[in-house]
C-alpha atoms as a PDB file:
ATOM      1  CA  MET A   1     -34.984 -57.970 101.350  1.00  0.00           C
ATOM      2  CA  SER A   2     -35.265 -54.759 100.147  1.00  0.00           C
ATOM      3  CA  SER A   3     -38.181 -52.645 100.440  1.00  0.00           C
ATOM      4  CA  GLN A   4     -38.155 -51.665  96.375  1.00  0.00           C
ATOM      5  CA  ASP A   5     -39.318 -54.235  93.661  1.00  0.00           C
ATOM      6  CA  PRO A   6     -36.142 -55.522  91.795  1.00  0.00           C
ATOM      7  CA  PHE A   7     -36.483 -54.522  88.017  1.00  0.00           C
ATOM      8  CA  ILE A   8     -35.421 -56.476  84.869  1.00  0.00           C
ATOM      9  CA  ARG A   9     -32.983 -55.546  82.192  1.00  0.00           C
ATOM     10  CA  PRO A  10     -31.118 -57.248  79.509  1.00  0.00           C
ATOM     11  CA  ILE A  11     -28.030 -59.301  80.354  1.00  0.00           C
ATOM     12  CA  GLN A  12     -24.973 -57.277  80.035  1.00  0.00           C
ATOM     13  CA  LEU A  13     -21.442 -58.431  79.245  1.00  0.00           C
ATOM     14  CA  GLU A  14     -20.009 -56.622  82.693  1.00  0.00           C
ATOM     15  CA  ASP A  15     -22.586 -59.187  84.527  1.00  0.00           C
ATOM     16  CA  ALA A  16     -20.446 -62.258  83.990  1.00  0.00           C
ATOM     17  CA  ASP A  17     -18.933 -62.589  87.255  1.00  0.00           C
ATOM     18  CA  GLU A  18     -22.373 -62.727  89.210  1.00  0.00           C
ATOM     19  CA  MET A  19     -24.452 -64.774  86.285  1.00  0.00           C
ATOM     20  CA  ALA A  20     -21.013 -67.110  87.050  1.00  0.00           C
ATOM     21  CA  ARG A  21     -21.707 -67.219  90.857  1.00  0.00           C
ATOM     22  CA  LEU A  22     -25.869 -67.997  90.556  1.00  0.00           C
ATOM     23  CA  HIS A  23     -24.789 -70.639  88.104  1.00  0.00           C
ATOM     24  CA  ALA A  24     -22.721 -72.307  90.033  1.00  0.00           C
ATOM     25  CA  GLN A  25     -25.481 -71.961  93.419  1.00  0.00           C
ATOM     26  CA  SER A  26     -27.238 -74.043  90.845  1.00  0.00           C
ATOM     27  CA  ALA A  27     -24.550 -76.541  89.995  1.00  0.00           C
ATOM     28  CA  ALA A  28     -24.226 -77.362  93.627  1.00  0.00           C
ATOM     29  CA  TYR A  29     -27.878 -77.567  94.011  1.00  0.00           C
ATOM     30  CA  LEU A  30     -28.401 -80.270  90.968  1.00  0.00           C
ATOM     31  CA  ARG A  31     -25.563 -82.036  92.044  1.00  0.00           C
ATOM     32  CA  ALA A  32     -27.070 -82.734  95.250  1.00  0.00           C
ATOM     33  CA  LEU A  33     -29.615 -84.099  93.748  1.00  0.00           C
ATOM     34  CA  GLY A  34     -27.863 -86.444  92.256  1.00  0.00           C
ATOM     35  CA  ASP A  35     -26.871 -84.936  88.666  1.00  0.00           C
ATOM     36  CA  ASP A  36     -23.465 -85.681  87.893  1.00  0.00           C
ATOM     37  CA  THR A  37     -23.446 -82.986  84.823  1.00  0.00           C
ATOM     38  CA  ASP A  38     -19.615 -81.758  84.163  1.00  0.00           C
ATOM     39  CA  PHE A  39     -21.142 -78.220  84.643  1.00  0.00           C
ATOM     40  CA  GLN A  40     -18.698 -75.830  82.460  1.00  0.00           C
ATOM     41  CA  PHE A  41     -20.419 -72.610  82.879  1.00  0.00           C
ATOM     42  CA  ASN A  42     -18.078 -69.951  84.401  1.00  0.00           C
ATOM     43  CA  ALA A  43     -17.574 -65.817  83.505  1.00  0.00           C
ATOM     44  CA  HIS A  44     -15.319 -66.820  80.958  1.00  0.00           C
ATOM     45  CA  ILE A  45     -17.710 -68.937  78.729  1.00  0.00           C
ATOM     46  CA  TYR A  46     -20.581 -66.228  79.209  1.00  0.00           C
ATOM     47  CA  ARG A  47     -19.132 -63.531  77.898  1.00  0.00           C
ATOM     48  CA  ARG A  48     -17.471 -65.813  74.943  1.00  0.00           C
ATOM     49  CA  ASP A  49     -21.008 -67.238  74.388  1.00  0.00           C
ATOM     50  CA  GLY A  50     -23.192 -64.828  75.208  1.00  0.00           C
ATOM     51  CA  PHE A  51     -21.628 -61.574  73.368  1.00  0.00           C
ATOM     52  CA  GLY A  52     -20.472 -61.209  70.071  1.00  0.00           C
ATOM     53  CA  ASP A  53     -21.144 -61.153  66.217  1.00  0.00           C
ATOM     54  CA  ASN A  54     -23.133 -64.919  66.542  1.00  0.00           C
ATOM     55  CA  PRO A  55     -24.293 -65.156  70.356  1.00  0.00           C
ATOM     56  CA  ALA A  56     -25.686 -68.656  71.366  1.00  0.00           C
ATOM     57  CA  PHE A  57     -27.985 -67.024  73.820  1.00  0.00           C
ATOM     58  CA  SER A  58     -29.555 -63.876  75.155  1.00  0.00           C
ATOM     59  CA  GLY A  59     -31.402 -63.367  78.450  1.00  0.00           C
ATOM     60  CA  PHE A  60     -32.819 -61.366  81.029  1.00  0.00           C
ATOM     61  CA  CYS A  61     -32.043 -60.534  84.794  1.00  0.00           C
ATOM     62  CA  ALA A  62     -33.590 -59.506  88.144  1.00  0.00           C
ATOM     63  CA  VAL A  63     -31.558 -56.710  89.905  1.00  0.00           C
ATOM     64  CA  LEU A  64     -32.311 -55.145  93.358  1.00  0.00           C
ATOM     65  CA  ASP A  65     -30.181 -52.660  95.155  1.00  0.00           C
ATOM     66  CA  ASN A  66     -27.414 -52.721  92.573  1.00  0.00           C
ATOM     67  CA  HIS A  67     -26.914 -56.633  93.160  1.00  0.00           C
ATOM     68  CA  LEU A  68     -27.948 -59.406  90.120  1.00  0.00           C
ATOM     69  CA  ILE A  69     -30.482 -62.046  92.151  1.00  0.00           C
ATOM     70  CA  GLY A  70     -31.600 -63.370  89.322  1.00  0.00           C
ATOM     71  CA  TYR A  71     -31.298 -64.009  85.247  1.00  0.00           C
ATOM     72  CA  LEU A  72     -33.558 -66.032  82.292  1.00  0.00           C
ATOM     73  CA  LEU A  73     -31.449 -67.413  79.462  1.00  0.00           C
ATOM     74  CA  TYR A  74     -32.668 -68.207  76.541  1.00  0.00           C
ATOM     75  CA  HIS A  75     -32.404 -68.637  72.482  1.00  0.00           C
ATOM     76  CA  TRP A  76     -35.761 -68.530  69.710  1.00  0.00           C
ATOM     77  CA  ALA A  77     -36.273 -71.422  68.537  1.00  0.00           C
ATOM     78  CA  TYR A  78     -39.178 -72.596  66.033  1.00  0.00           C
ATOM     79  CA  ASP A  79     -41.793 -75.773  65.774  1.00  0.00           C
ATOM     80  CA  THR A  80     -42.304 -76.763  61.823  1.00  0.00           C
ATOM     81  CA  ASP A  81     -45.458 -79.241  62.678  1.00  0.00           C
ATOM     82  CA  ARG A  82     -47.083 -76.471  64.836  1.00  0.00           C
ATOM     83  CA  ALA A  83     -45.927 -72.992  62.351  1.00  0.00           C
ATOM     84  CA  LEU A  84     -44.803 -70.861  65.419  1.00  0.00           C
ATOM     85  CA  ARG A  85     -42.146 -69.284  67.195  1.00  0.00           C
ATOM     86  CA  TYR A  86     -40.936 -70.147  71.015  1.00  0.00           C
ATOM     87  CA  LEU A  87     -38.669 -69.077  73.508  1.00  0.00           C
ATOM     88  CA  PHE A  88     -36.334 -72.037  74.505  1.00  0.00           C
ATOM     89  CA  VAL A  89     -35.353 -71.075  78.520  1.00  0.00           C
ATOM     90  CA  ILE A  90     -31.710 -72.464  78.857  1.00  0.00           C
ATOM     91  CA  ASP A  91     -32.020 -71.381  82.694  1.00  0.00           C
ATOM     92  CA  LEU A  92     -33.823 -69.911  85.313  1.00  0.00           C
ATOM     93  CA  LEU A  93     -31.711 -69.263  88.530  1.00  0.00           C
ATOM     94  CA  VAL A  94     -32.463 -67.246  91.451  1.00  0.00           C
ATOM     95  CA  ASP A  95     -30.443 -66.172  94.268  1.00  0.00           C
ATOM     96  CA  GLU A  96     -30.633 -68.884  96.984  1.00  0.00           C
ATOM     97  CA  GLU A  97     -31.111 -66.056  99.708  1.00  0.00           C
ATOM     98  CA  GLN A  98     -33.816 -64.860  97.149  1.00  0.00           C
ATOM     99  CA  ARG A  99     -35.823 -67.991  96.387  1.00  0.00           C
ATOM    100  CA  GLN A 100     -39.714 -67.852  97.202  1.00  0.00           C
ATOM    101  CA  SER A 101     -40.036 -63.886  96.811  1.00  0.00           C
ATOM    102  CA  GLY A 102     -41.754 -63.914  93.167  1.00  0.00           C
ATOM    103  CA  ILE A 103     -37.974 -63.517  91.204  1.00  0.00           C
ATOM    104  CA  GLY A 104     -38.435 -66.534  89.150  1.00  0.00           C
ATOM    105  CA  LYS A 105     -42.244 -65.771  88.511  1.00  0.00           C
ATOM    106  CA  ALA A 106     -41.447 -62.388  87.425  1.00  0.00           C
ATOM    107  CA  LEU A 107     -38.831 -63.210  84.975  1.00  0.00           C
ATOM    108  CA  MET A 108     -40.834 -65.804  83.709  1.00  0.00           C
ATOM    109  CA  ASN A 109     -43.418 -63.332  83.157  1.00  0.00           C
ATOM    110  CA  HIS A 110     -40.890 -60.905  81.309  1.00  0.00           C
ATOM    111  CA  ALA A 111     -40.123 -63.685  79.407  1.00  0.00           C
ATOM    112  CA  ALA A 112     -43.455 -64.617  78.129  1.00  0.00           C
ATOM    113  CA  ALA A 113     -44.232 -60.696  77.189  1.00  0.00           C
ATOM    114  CA  PHE A 114     -41.169 -60.559  75.404  1.00  0.00           C
ATOM    115  CA  CYS A 115     -41.868 -63.640  73.137  1.00  0.00           C
ATOM    116  CA  GLN A 116     -45.335 -62.234  72.467  1.00  0.00           C
ATOM    117  CA  GLU A 117     -44.419 -59.182  71.411  1.00  0.00           C
ATOM    118  CA  ALA A 118     -41.747 -60.811  69.139  1.00  0.00           C
ATOM    119  CA  GLY A 119     -44.360 -62.724  67.514  1.00  0.00           C
ATOM    120  CA  GLY A 120     -43.750 -66.147  69.625  1.00  0.00           C
ATOM    121  CA  ALA A 121     -46.803 -68.450  70.918  1.00  0.00           C
ATOM    122  CA  GLU A 122     -44.929 -70.083  73.893  1.00  0.00           C
ATOM    123  CA  LEU A 123     -41.929 -70.488  76.264  1.00  0.00           C
ATOM    124  CA  PHE A 124     -40.443 -74.088  76.030  1.00  0.00           C
ATOM    125  CA  TRP A 125     -37.811 -75.482  78.277  1.00  0.00           C
ATOM    126  CA  ALA A 126     -35.994 -78.658  80.375  1.00  0.00           C
ATOM    127  CA  VAL A 127     -35.850 -79.623  84.284  1.00  0.00           C
ATOM    128  CA  TYR A 128     -33.890 -82.375  85.903  1.00  0.00           C
ATOM    129  CA  ASP A 129     -36.060 -84.902  86.650  1.00  0.00           C
ATOM    130  CA  LYS A 130     -35.226 -84.943  89.954  1.00  0.00           C
ATOM    131  CA  ASN A 131     -35.618 -81.371  90.797  1.00  0.00           C
ATOM    132  CA  GLU A 132     -38.862 -81.161  92.746  1.00  0.00           C
ATOM    133  CA  ALA A 133     -38.786 -77.176  93.339  1.00  0.00           C
ATOM    134  CA  ALA A 134     -38.864 -76.546  89.971  1.00  0.00           C
ATOM    135  CA  LEU A 135     -41.271 -78.610  88.823  1.00  0.00           C
ATOM    136  CA  ASN A 136     -43.287 -77.762  91.443  1.00  0.00           C
ATOM    137  CA  PHE A 137     -42.783 -74.237  90.757  1.00  0.00           C
ATOM    138  CA  TYR A 138     -43.330 -75.024  87.048  1.00  0.00           C
ATOM    139  CA  ASN A 139     -46.522 -76.631  87.760  1.00  0.00           C
ATOM    140  CA  ARG A 140     -47.528 -73.839  90.046  1.00  0.00           C
ATOM    141  CA  LEU A 141     -47.041 -71.174  87.006  1.00  0.00           C
ATOM    142  CA  GLY A 142     -49.231 -73.220  84.855  1.00  0.00           C
ATOM    143  CA  ALA A 143     -47.132 -75.092  82.711  1.00  0.00           C
ATOM    144  CA  GLU A 144     -47.636 -78.379  81.435  1.00  0.00           C
ATOM    145  CA  GLU A 145     -45.496 -81.385  80.877  1.00  0.00           C
ATOM    146  CA  ILE A 146     -44.746 -82.986  77.973  1.00  0.00           C
ATOM    147  CA  ASN A 147     -45.076 -86.845  77.419  1.00  0.00           C
ATOM    148  CA  ASP A 148     -44.588 -87.092  73.845  1.00  0.00           C
ATOM    149  CA  LEU A 149     -41.719 -86.238  73.391  1.00  0.00           C
ATOM    150  CA  HIS A 150     -38.039 -87.293  73.892  1.00  0.00           C
ATOM    151  CA  PHE A 151     -35.349 -85.073  74.775  1.00  0.00           C
ATOM    152  CA  MET A 152     -32.539 -86.539  72.876  1.00  0.00           C
ATOM    153  CA  ARG A 153     -28.817 -85.771  71.765  1.00  0.00           C
ATOM    154  CA  LEU A 154     -25.987 -86.824  69.340  1.00  0.00           C
ATOM    155  CA  LYS A 155     -22.086 -85.841  70.784  1.00  0.00           C
ATOM    156  CA  ILE A 156     -20.095 -84.876  67.867  1.00  0.00           C
END
């Protein structure tokens, strides 16, 4: 790793190829754990869905020596029961070679500060149940599992 610390900045359209490279690392890891998702995210989809008039997500990336080494994608959400705005973390990925170096924690801390500055009250996300490394990481951050809710979907 470099002697300088990584910096965190908003994602940019020009990050597409590096975002796709990191996502492919994550998809391969999850497949090895048994996730049978048909992973579709790539550079084209990043550009299509993350930018323009109605972006589906936004995010931050960690950069070290002019290389993108991690990212966090999010969108805003709202909980009517608790009357609070929150940041839904879609993806948190760190380059395999940079894991265990504090990049993931720095991205989560950045997202938490960003959320709070915008009037939000919490970060919320989902974790693949067989991804023990991610679960352990989030537990070390002090995150709590939500056991009284079920994620559901309706394909249309």
